[in-house]
C-alpha atoms as a PDB file:
ATOM      1  CA  MET A   1       0.110   0.166   0.142  1.00  0.00           C
ATOM      2  CA  THR A   2       2.961   2.258   0.639  1.00  0.00           C
ATOM      3  CA  THR A   3       6.229   2.763  -1.223  1.00  0.00           C
ATOM      4  CA  VAL A   4       8.001   4.396   1.691  1.00  0.00           C
ATOM      5  CA  ASP A   5       9.011   3.376   5.198  1.00  0.00           C
ATOM      6  CA  LEU A   6       6.043   3.912   7.195  1.00  0.00           C
ATOM      7  CA  TRP A   7       7.408   4.257  10.331  1.00  0.00           C
ATOM      8  CA  PRO A   8       9.775   7.173  10.100  1.00  0.00           C
ATOM      9  CA  ASP A   9       7.152   8.986   7.416  1.00  0.00           C
ATOM     10  CA  LEU A  10       4.450   8.579  10.562  1.00  0.00           C
ATOM     11  CA  LEU A  11       7.242  10.187  13.014  1.00  0.00           C
ATOM     12  CA  ASP A  12       7.714  12.878  10.375  1.00  0.00           C
ATOM     13  CA  CYS A  13       4.238  14.008  10.000  1.00  0.00           C
ATOM     14  CA  LEU A  14       3.915  14.352  13.847  1.00  0.00           C
ATOM     15  CA  ASP A  15       6.484  16.975  13.791  1.00  0.00           C
ATOM     16  CA  LEU A  16       4.223  20.103  13.373  1.00  0.00           C
ATOM     17  CA  THR A  17       5.745  23.188  11.972  1.00  0.00           C
ATOM     18  CA  PRO A  18       4.609  26.433  13.752  1.00  0.00           C
ATOM     19  CA  ARG A  19       3.639  28.841  11.127  1.00  0.00           C
ATOM     20  CA  GLU A  20       2.106  31.751  13.501  1.00  0.00           C
ATOM     21  CA  PRO A  21       0.676  31.657  17.137  1.00  0.00           C
ATOM     22  CA  GLY A  22      -1.802  29.162  17.160  1.00  0.00           C
ATOM     23  CA  VAL A  23      -1.328  27.816  13.731  1.00  0.00           C
ATOM     24  CA  TYR A  24       0.662  24.441  13.113  1.00  0.00           C
ATOM     25  CA  GLU A  25       1.230  22.716   9.815  1.00  0.00           C
ATOM     26  CA  GLY A  26       2.034  18.834   9.400  1.00  0.00           C
ATOM     27  CA  ARG A  27       2.919  16.804   6.325  1.00  0.00           C
ATOM     28  CA  SER A  28       0.515  13.996   5.249  1.00  0.00           C
ATOM     29  CA  GLN A  29       1.559  10.503   5.037  1.00  0.00           C
ATOM     30  CA  GLN A  30       3.070   9.106   1.679  1.00  0.00           C
ATOM     31  CA  LEU A  31       0.239   6.701   1.192  1.00  0.00           C
ATOM     32  CA  GLU A  32      -1.146   4.789  -2.156  1.00  0.00           C
ATOM     33  CA  TYR A  33      -4.474   5.431  -0.422  1.00  0.00           C
ATOM     34  CA  ARG A  34      -7.907   6.836  -1.811  1.00  0.00           C
ATOM     35  CA  ARG A  35      -8.080   9.954   0.923  1.00  0.00           C
ATOM     36  CA  LEU A  36      -6.200  10.880   3.771  1.00  0.00           C
ATOM     37  CA  PHE A  37      -6.174   8.132   6.806  1.00  0.00           C
ATOM     38  CA  GLY A  38      -8.156   9.458   9.690  1.00  0.00           C
ATOM     39  CA  GLY A  39      -5.631   8.359  12.006  1.00  0.00           C
ATOM     40  CA  GLN A  40      -3.288  10.845  10.949  1.00  0.00           C
ATOM     41  CA  LEU A  41      -5.676  13.614  11.486  1.00  0.00           C
ATOM     42  CA  LEU A  42      -6.094  12.395  14.810  1.00  0.00           C
ATOM     43  CA  ALA A  43      -2.696  11.919  15.709  1.00  0.00           C
ATOM     44  CA  GLN A  44      -2.055  15.529  14.469  1.00  0.00           C
ATOM     45  CA  PHE A  45      -4.880  16.706  16.326  1.00  0.00           C
ATOM     46  CA  ALA A  46      -3.249  15.334  19.444  1.00  0.00           C
ATOM     47  CA  ARG A  47       0.153  16.966  18.701  1.00  0.00           C
ATOM     48  CA  ALA A  48      -1.556  20.419  18.109  1.00  0.00           C
ATOM     49  CA  ALA A  49      -3.376  20.353  21.402  1.00  0.00           C
ATOM     50  CA  THR A  50      -0.218  19.733  23.171  1.00  0.00           C
ATOM     51  CA  LEU A  51       1.876  22.236  21.294  1.00  0.00           C
ATOM     52  CA  ALA A  52      -1.380  24.839  21.989  1.00  0.00           C
ATOM     53  CA  ALA A  53      -1.708  24.084  25.755  1.00  0.00           C
ATOM     54  CA  PRO A  54       2.176  23.026  26.875  1.00  0.00           C
ATOM     55  CA  GLY A  55       2.510  21.505  30.113  1.00  0.00           C
ATOM     56  CA  LYS A  56      -0.262  19.562  30.361  1.00  0.00           C
ATOM     57  CA  GLY A  57      -1.407  15.983  29.355  1.00  0.00           C
ATOM     58  CA  LEU A  58      -3.995  15.112  26.974  1.00  0.00           C
ATOM     59  CA  LYS A  59      -7.094  13.394  28.567  1.00  0.00           C
ATOM     60  CA  SER A  60      -9.595  13.371  25.746  1.00  0.00           C
ATOM     61  CA  LEU A  61      -9.863  13.976  21.957  1.00  0.00           C
ATOM     62  CA  HIS A  62     -13.407  14.301  20.205  1.00  0.00           C
ATOM     63  CA  THR A  63     -12.868  14.644  16.647  1.00  0.00           C
ATOM     64  CA  GLN A  64     -15.570  15.008  13.648  1.00  0.00           C
ATOM     65  CA  PHE A  65     -14.580  14.490  10.098  1.00  0.00           C
ATOM     66  CA  LEU A  66     -16.253  16.860   7.762  1.00  0.00           C
ATOM     67  CA  ARG A  67     -15.139  16.176   4.279  1.00  0.00           C
ATOM     68  CA  GLU A  68     -12.523  13.634   2.727  1.00  0.00           C
ATOM     69  CA  GLY A  69      -8.918  14.825   3.031  1.00  0.00           C
ATOM     70  CA  ARG A  70      -6.407  14.593   0.274  1.00  0.00           C
ATOM     71  CA  THR A  71      -3.467  12.622   0.262  1.00  0.00           C
ATOM     72  CA  GLY A  72      -0.123  14.465  -0.326  1.00  0.00           C
ATOM     73  CA  GLU A  73      -1.077  17.692   0.896  1.00  0.00           C
ATOM     74  CA  PRO A  74      -0.357  19.257   4.161  1.00  0.00           C
ATOM     75  CA  VAL A  75      -2.717  19.845   6.633  1.00  0.00           C
ATOM     76  CA  ARG A  76      -2.970  23.176   8.560  1.00  0.00           C
ATOM     77  CA  TYR A  77      -4.050  23.308  12.094  1.00  0.00           C
ATOM     78  CA  THR A  78      -5.467  26.047  14.059  1.00  0.00           C
ATOM     79  CA  ALA A  79      -5.922  25.863  17.608  1.00  0.00           C
ATOM     80  CA  GLU A  80      -7.902  28.223  19.901  1.00  0.00           C
ATOM     81  CA  VAL A  81      -7.427  27.959  23.558  1.00  0.00           C
ATOM     82  CA  PRO A  82     -10.466  29.400  25.582  1.00  0.00           C
ATOM     83  CA  GLN A  83      -9.315  27.539  28.937  1.00  0.00           C
ATOM     84  CA  ASP A  84      -5.659  27.198  30.011  1.00  0.00           C
ATOM     85  CA  GLY A  85      -5.911  27.209  33.524  1.00  0.00           C
ATOM     86  CA  ARG A  86      -3.420  25.859  36.472  1.00  0.00           C
ATOM     87  CA  THR A  87      -4.568  22.114  36.125  1.00  0.00           C
ATOM     88  CA  PHE A  88      -6.796  22.213  33.261  1.00  0.00           C
ATOM     89  CA  ALA A  89      -6.744  23.500  29.762  1.00  0.00           C
ATOM     90  CA  ALA A  90      -9.379  23.140  26.426  1.00  0.00           C
ATOM     91  CA  ALA A  91      -8.472  23.831  22.944  1.00  0.00           C
ATOM     92  CA  ARG A  92     -10.667  23.945  19.743  1.00  0.00           C
ATOM     93  CA  LEU A  93      -8.891  22.790  16.741  1.00  0.00           C
ATOM     94  CA  THR A  94      -9.672  22.945  12.955  1.00  0.00           C
ATOM     95  CA  ALA A  95      -7.921  20.953  10.305  1.00  0.00           C
ATOM     96  CA  ARG A  96      -7.817  22.496   6.902  1.00  0.00           C
ATOM     97  CA  GLN A  97      -6.177  21.960   3.392  1.00  0.00           C
ATOM     98  CA  GLU A  98      -6.693  23.917  -0.077  1.00  0.00           C
ATOM     99  CA  HIS A  99     -10.377  22.796  -0.756  1.00  0.00           C
ATOM    100  CA  GLY A 100     -11.668  23.577   2.939  1.00  0.00           C
ATOM    101  CA  ILE A 101     -12.256  22.313   6.309  1.00  0.00           C
ATOM    102  CA  VAL A 102     -11.435  18.463   6.640  1.00  0.00           C
ATOM    103  CA  ALA A 103     -12.163  18.033  10.376  1.00  0.00           C
ATOM    104  CA  VAL A 104     -12.642  19.829  13.640  1.00  0.00           C
ATOM    105  CA  ALA A 105     -11.578  18.480  17.024  1.00  0.00           C
ATOM    106  CA  ASN A 106     -12.481  19.537  20.842  1.00  0.00           C
ATOM    107  CA  ALA A 107      -9.309  18.652  23.274  1.00  0.00           C
ATOM    108  CA  SER A 108      -9.122  18.629  26.815  1.00  0.00           C
ATOM    109  CA  LEU A 109      -6.147  18.568  29.023  1.00  0.00           C
ATOM    110  CA  HIS A 110      -5.138  18.114  32.457  1.00  0.00           C
ATOM    111  CA  VAL A 111      -2.029  18.122  34.695  1.00  0.00           C
ATOM    112  CA  TRP A 112      -1.996  14.452  35.743  1.00  0.00           C
ATOM    113  CA  GLU A 113      -2.314  14.460  39.480  1.00  0.00           C
ATOM    114  CA  ASP A 114      -2.223  11.820  42.441  1.00  0.00           C
ATOM    115  CA  GLY A 115      -5.698  10.454  43.818  1.00  0.00           C
ATOM    116  CA  PRO A 116      -7.477   7.301  44.142  1.00  0.00           C
ATOM    117  CA  ASP A 117      -6.835   4.555  41.413  1.00  0.00           C
ATOM    118  CA  ARG A 118      -9.540   2.282  40.833  1.00  0.00           C
ATOM    119  CA  GLN A 119     -10.608   0.437  37.557  1.00  0.00           C
ATOM    120  CA  THR A 120     -13.022  -2.744  36.646  1.00  0.00           C
ATOM    121  CA  VAL A 121     -11.742  -4.368  33.453  1.00  0.00           C
ATOM    122  CA  ASP A 122     -12.303  -8.292  32.464  1.00  0.00           C
ATOM    123  CA  PRO A 123      -8.818 -10.088  32.587  1.00  0.00           C
ATOM    124  CA  VAL A 124      -6.434  -9.783  29.751  1.00  0.00           C
ATOM    125  CA  PRO A 125      -5.728 -12.936  27.777  1.00  0.00           C
ATOM    126  CA  ALA A 126      -2.484 -14.114  27.041  1.00  0.00           C
ATOM    127  CA  LEU A 127      -0.494 -12.656  24.298  1.00  0.00           C
ATOM    128  CA  PRO A 128      -0.893 -14.666  21.074  1.00  0.00           C
ATOM    129  CA  GLY A 129       2.039 -16.448  19.405  1.00  0.00           C
ATOM    130  CA  ALA A 130       4.160 -14.630  16.693  1.00  0.00           C
ATOM    131  CA  GLU A 131       2.265 -17.287  14.335  1.00  0.00           C
ATOM    132  CA  ARG A 132      -0.812 -14.908  14.820  1.00  0.00           C
ATOM    133  CA  ALA A 133       0.658 -12.021  13.540  1.00  0.00           C
ATOM    134  CA  ALA A 134      -2.009  -9.479  12.016  1.00  0.00           C
ATOM    135  CA  GLU A 135      -1.085  -7.902   8.900  1.00  0.00           C
ATOM    136  CA  LEU A 136      -2.444  -4.218   9.124  1.00  0.00           C
ATOM    137  CA  PRO A 137      -0.510  -2.230   6.521  1.00  0.00           C
ATOM    138  CA  LEU A 138      -1.309   1.206   8.240  1.00  0.00           C
ATOM    139  CA  LEU A 139       0.424   0.160  11.479  1.00  0.00           C
ATOM    140  CA  PRO A 140       4.068   0.191  11.222  1.00  0.00           C
ATOM    141  CA  TRP A 141       4.802  -2.030  14.123  1.00  0.00           C
ATOM    142  CA  GLU A 142       4.215  -5.327  15.190  1.00  0.00           C
ATOM    143  CA  SER A 143       0.619  -6.393  16.129  1.00  0.00           C
ATOM    144  CA  ARG A 144      -1.039  -9.924  16.704  1.00  0.00           C
ATOM    145  CA  ALA A 145      -4.580 -11.206  17.182  1.00  0.00           C
ATOM    146  CA  ALA A 146      -6.036 -14.456  18.328  1.00  0.00           C
ATOM    147  CA  THR A 147      -9.089 -13.994  15.669  1.00  0.00           C
ATOM    148  CA  ASP A 148      -9.366 -12.858  12.283  1.00  0.00           C
ATOM    149  CA  LEU A 149     -10.598  -9.533  11.779  1.00  0.00           C
ATOM    150  CA  ASP A 150     -11.514 -10.241   8.014  1.00  0.00           C
ATOM    151  CA  THR A 151     -13.604 -13.326   8.412  1.00  0.00           C
ATOM    152  CA  GLU A 152     -16.279 -14.429   5.554  1.00  0.00           C
ATOM    153  CA  LYS A 153     -17.979 -16.307   8.009  1.00  0.00           C
ATOM    154  CA  SER A 154     -20.428 -14.605  10.434  1.00  0.00           C
ATOM    155  CA  GLU A 155     -18.750 -14.059  13.799  1.00  0.00           C
ATOM    156  CA  PRO A 156     -19.387 -11.872  17.019  1.00  0.00           C
ATOM    157  CA  PRO A 157     -18.680  -8.140  16.456  1.00  0.00           C
ATOM    158  CA  VAL A 158     -15.803  -8.294  18.825  1.00  0.00           C
ATOM    159  CA  PHE A 159     -12.209  -7.886  18.042  1.00  0.00           C
ATOM    160  CA  GLU A 160      -8.706  -8.052  20.166  1.00  0.00           C
ATOM    161  CA  LEU A 161      -5.639  -6.383  18.508  1.00  0.00           C
ATOM    162  CA  TRP A 162      -2.318  -6.790  20.421  1.00  0.00           C
ATOM    163  CA  THR A 163       0.095  -4.151  19.026  1.00  0.00           C
ATOM    164  CA  ARG A 164       3.488  -3.159  20.272  1.00  0.00           C
ATOM    165  CA  VAL A 165       4.146   0.791  19.206  1.00  0.00           C
ATOM    166  CA  PRO A 166       7.812   1.335  19.422  1.00  0.00           C
ATOM    167  CA  ARG A 167       9.259   3.421  22.147  1.00  0.00           C
ATOM    168  CA  VAL A 168       9.180   7.281  21.590  1.00  0.00           C
ATOM    169  CA  ARG A 169       9.471  10.531  23.588  1.00  0.00           C
ATOM    170  CA  TRP A 170       6.420  10.905  25.683  1.00  0.00           C
ATOM    171  CA  PRO A 171       4.882  13.699  23.768  1.00  0.00           C
ATOM    172  CA  LEU A 172       4.277  11.578  20.682  1.00  0.00           C
ATOM    173  CA  ALA A 173       2.677   8.736  23.085  1.00  0.00           C
ATOM    174  CA  PRO A 174      -0.835   9.633  22.924  1.00  0.00           C
ATOM    175  CA  ALA A 175      -0.769  10.581  19.319  1.00  0.00           C
ATOM    176  CA  LEU A 176       0.287   7.200  18.222  1.00  0.00           C
ATOM    177  CA  LEU A 177      -2.204   5.548  20.304  1.00  0.00           C
ATOM    178  CA  ALA A 178      -4.923   7.749  18.947  1.00  0.00           C
ATOM    179  CA  TYR A 179      -3.405   6.798  15.479  1.00  0.00           C
ATOM    180  CA  ALA A 180      -3.717   2.732  16.427  1.00  0.00           C
ATOM    181  CA  THR A 181      -7.556   3.031  17.751  1.00  0.00           C
ATOM    182  CA  ASP A 182      -8.780   4.415  14.259  1.00  0.00           C
ATOM    183  CA  LEU A 183      -7.818   1.398  12.258  1.00  0.00           C
ATOM    184  CA  THR A 184     -10.342  -1.540  12.996  1.00  0.00           C
ATOM    185  CA  PRO A 185     -13.866  -0.285  14.633  1.00  0.00           C
ATOM    186  CA  ILE A 186     -15.411  -0.683  11.173  1.00  0.00           C
ATOM    187  CA  GLY A 187     -13.918  -4.033  10.536  1.00  0.00           C
ATOM    188  CA  THR A 188     -15.159  -5.316  13.735  1.00  0.00           C
ATOM    189  CA  ALA A 189     -18.725  -3.803  12.984  1.00  0.00           C
ATOM    190  CA  LEU A 190     -18.210  -5.941   9.566  1.00  0.00           C
ATOM    191  CA  ARG A 191     -17.685  -9.397  11.297  1.00  0.00           C
ATOM    192  CA  PRO A 192     -21.337 -10.477  11.743  1.00  0.00           C
ATOM    193  CA  VAL A 193     -21.828  -9.729   8.114  1.00  0.00           C
ATOM    194  CA  THR A 194     -21.355 -13.142   6.039  1.00  0.00           C
ATOM    195  CA  GLY A 195     -19.207 -13.119   3.072  1.00  0.00           C
ATOM    196  CA  VAL A 196     -18.093  -9.211   3.487  1.00  0.00           C
ATOM    197  CA  THR A 197     -14.821  -8.264   5.016  1.00  0.00           C
ATOM    198  CA  GLN A 198     -13.167  -4.713   5.166  1.00  0.00           C
ATOM    199  CA  THR A 199     -11.329  -5.547   1.860  1.00  0.00           C
ATOM    200  CA  ASP A 200     -14.857  -5.227  -0.003  1.00  0.00           C
ATOM    201  CA  SER A 201     -14.867  -1.696   0.611  1.00  0.00           C
ATOM    202  CA  GLY A 202     -16.176   0.107  -2.529  1.00  0.00           C
ATOM    203  CA  ARG A 203     -17.530  -3.232  -3.828  1.00  0.00           C
ATOM    204  CA  ALA A 204     -20.075  -4.388  -1.212  1.00  0.00           C
ATOM    205  CA  PHE A 205     -20.112  -1.335   0.980  1.00  0.00           C
ATOM    206  CA  VAL A 206     -18.952   2.184   1.461  1.00  0.00           C
ATOM    207  CA  SER A 207     -17.463   3.576   4.810  1.00  0.00           C
ATOM    208  CA  ALA A 208     -16.244   6.637   6.335  1.00  0.00           C
ATOM    209  CA  VAL A 209     -15.543   7.661   9.806  1.00  0.00           C
ATOM    210  CA  THR A 210     -17.726  10.485  11.022  1.00  0.00           C
ATOM    211  CA  SER A 211     -16.329  10.965  14.218  1.00  0.00           C
ATOM    212  CA  HIS A 212     -13.904   9.346  16.665  1.00  0.00           C
ATOM    213  CA  THR A 213     -13.306   9.911  20.488  1.00  0.00           C
ATOM    214  CA  VAL A 214     -10.275   8.924  22.628  1.00  0.00           C
ATOM    215  CA  TRP A 215     -10.253   9.249  26.348  1.00  0.00           C
ATOM    216  CA  PHE A 216      -6.841   8.985  27.983  1.00  0.00           C
ATOM    217  CA  HIS A 217      -7.395   7.764  31.503  1.00  0.00           C
ATOM    218  CA  ARG A 218      -3.405   7.556  32.798  1.00  0.00           C
ATOM    219  CA  PRO A 219      -0.606   8.877  31.020  1.00  0.00           C
ATOM    220  CA  ALA A 220       0.155   6.897  27.588  1.00  0.00           C
ATOM    221  CA  GLU A 221       3.156   4.795  27.610  1.00  0.00           C
ATOM    222  CA  VAL A 222       4.234   2.906  24.495  1.00  0.00           C
ATOM    223  CA  GLY A 223       7.481   0.316  23.910  1.00  0.00           C
ATOM    224  CA  ASP A 224       5.345  -2.515  25.489  1.00  0.00           C
ATOM    225  CA  TRP A 225       2.655  -4.651  24.181  1.00  0.00           C
ATOM    226  CA  LEU A 226      -0.901  -3.174  24.316  1.00  0.00           C
ATOM    227  CA  LEU A 227      -4.249  -4.693  24.188  1.00  0.00           C
ATOM    228  CA  LEU A 228      -6.930  -2.823  22.165  1.00  0.00           C
ATOM    229  CA  ARG A 229     -10.172  -4.642  23.131  1.00  0.00           C
ATOM    230  CA  GLN A 230     -13.125  -3.318  21.194  1.00  0.00           C
ATOM    231  CA  HIS A 231     -16.854  -4.433  20.240  1.00  0.00           C
ATOM    232  CA  SER A 232     -19.459  -3.158  17.815  1.00  0.00           C
ATOM    233  CA  PRO A 233     -22.779  -2.970  19.746  1.00  0.00           C
ATOM    234  CA  VAL A 234     -24.922  -1.478  17.008  1.00  0.00           C
ATOM    235  CA  ALA A 235     -25.112  -1.048  12.964  1.00  0.00           C
ATOM    236  CA  ALA A 236     -28.272   0.419  11.706  1.00  0.00           C
ATOM    237  CA  HIS A 237     -29.524   3.226   9.319  1.00  0.00           C
ATOM    238  CA  GLY A 238     -26.416   3.342   7.256  1.00  0.00           C
ATOM    239  CA  ARG A 239     -24.218   3.719  10.318  1.00  0.00           C
ATOM    240  CA  CYS A 240     -22.066   1.681  12.732  1.00  0.00           C
ATOM    241  CA  PHE A 241     -20.665   2.423  16.038  1.00  0.00           C
ATOM    242  CA  GLY A 242     -17.882   0.829  17.825  1.00  0.00           C
ATOM    243  CA  ARG A 243     -16.138   1.401  21.196  1.00  0.00           C
ATOM    244  CA  GLY A 244     -13.000  -0.012  23.174  1.00  0.00           C
ATOM    245  CA  ASP A 245     -10.291   0.015  25.493  1.00  0.00           C
ATOM    246  CA  VAL A 246      -6.256  -0.167  25.490  1.00  0.00           C
ATOM    247  CA  LEU A 247      -5.103  -2.119  28.240  1.00  0.00           C
ATOM    248  CA  THR A 248      -1.371  -3.066  29.343  1.00  0.00           C
ATOM    249  CA  GLY A 249      -0.182  -6.542  29.417  1.00  0.00           C
ATOM    250  CA  GLU A 250      -0.775  -6.650  32.998  1.00  0.00           C
ATOM    251  CA  GLY A 251      -4.277  -5.120  32.746  1.00  0.00           C
ATOM    252  CA  THR A 252      -3.837  -1.715  33.476  1.00  0.00           C
ATOM    253  CA  LEU A 253      -6.501   0.369  31.566  1.00  0.00           C
ATOM    254  CA  VAL A 254      -4.637   3.147  29.809  1.00  0.00           C
ATOM    255  CA  ALA A 255      -7.312   4.670  27.385  1.00  0.00           C
ATOM    256  CA  SER A 256     -10.775   4.144  25.916  1.00  0.00           C
ATOM    257  CA  TYR A 257     -12.199   5.150  22.384  1.00  0.00           C
ATOM    258  CA  ALA A 258     -15.592   5.366  20.614  1.00  0.00           C
ATOM    259  CA  GLN A 259     -16.006   5.604  16.788  1.00  0.00           C
ATOM    260  CA  GLU A 260     -18.836   6.230  14.348  1.00  0.00           C
ATOM    261  CA  ALA A 261     -18.978   5.748  10.946  1.00  0.00           C
ATOM    262  CA  LEU A 262     -20.921   5.946   7.700  1.00  0.00           C
ATOM    263  CA  LEU A 263     -21.545   2.189   6.649  1.00  0.00           C
ATOM    264  CA  ARG A 264     -23.738   1.909   3.444  1.00  0.00           C
ATOM    265  CA  PHE A 265     -24.057  -1.357   1.567  1.00  0.00           C
ATOM    266  CA  LEU A 266     -24.528  -0.887  -2.070  1.00  0.00           C
END
């Protein structure tokens, strides 16, 4: 799908260039893909938010995708910060290309504090062996899954993906986690449909993410295996919805996410 080394290409996209106060520009991924990948926009929104409100960690990112982005064209991000207090900050972000606004986002940031620490999650399963490698072209790092995402049989709309984002400096970690959460929710929603997989996009169905939210419960860290556990509780009226959790191998809940998408069968 890509003719370049995707990992350094992705890192380069996250190196946003300040153009003027509150305005940043990011290069787009060099992908042989029909439109701008939404994960790139999520990751760059995350970077723009932390640049606009330095000294605080990203705790939530709520994104709406308004129109199809163009590959090979940079994206300019405008950040407005209506709140920047001692512990909390909020940023309103707009992503533009030459043909107009492609996405908007609201980000909330927080200085990580000490306090009660509790979670309620199901136990984490064992990491699958290397023979269960999951080939996901847009993820430039190792991933594994005990079950197949693209199955032509009717299967429950659940999917667990183990993924190991390479270790990076801390400010990039939430951006890369946001990037990873955008890849498989639609495929999870398609699992109950007999004879149809994500590879049938454009033939059996058309799809496009319309909104995506990520909540960071704890400071994001990468470099070790993470489990993306997701399910799609509903698909109706030409849309599908999915939600998921990001957990460490020890079972610590790091982040949660939710996505709504167009899913229109032809």
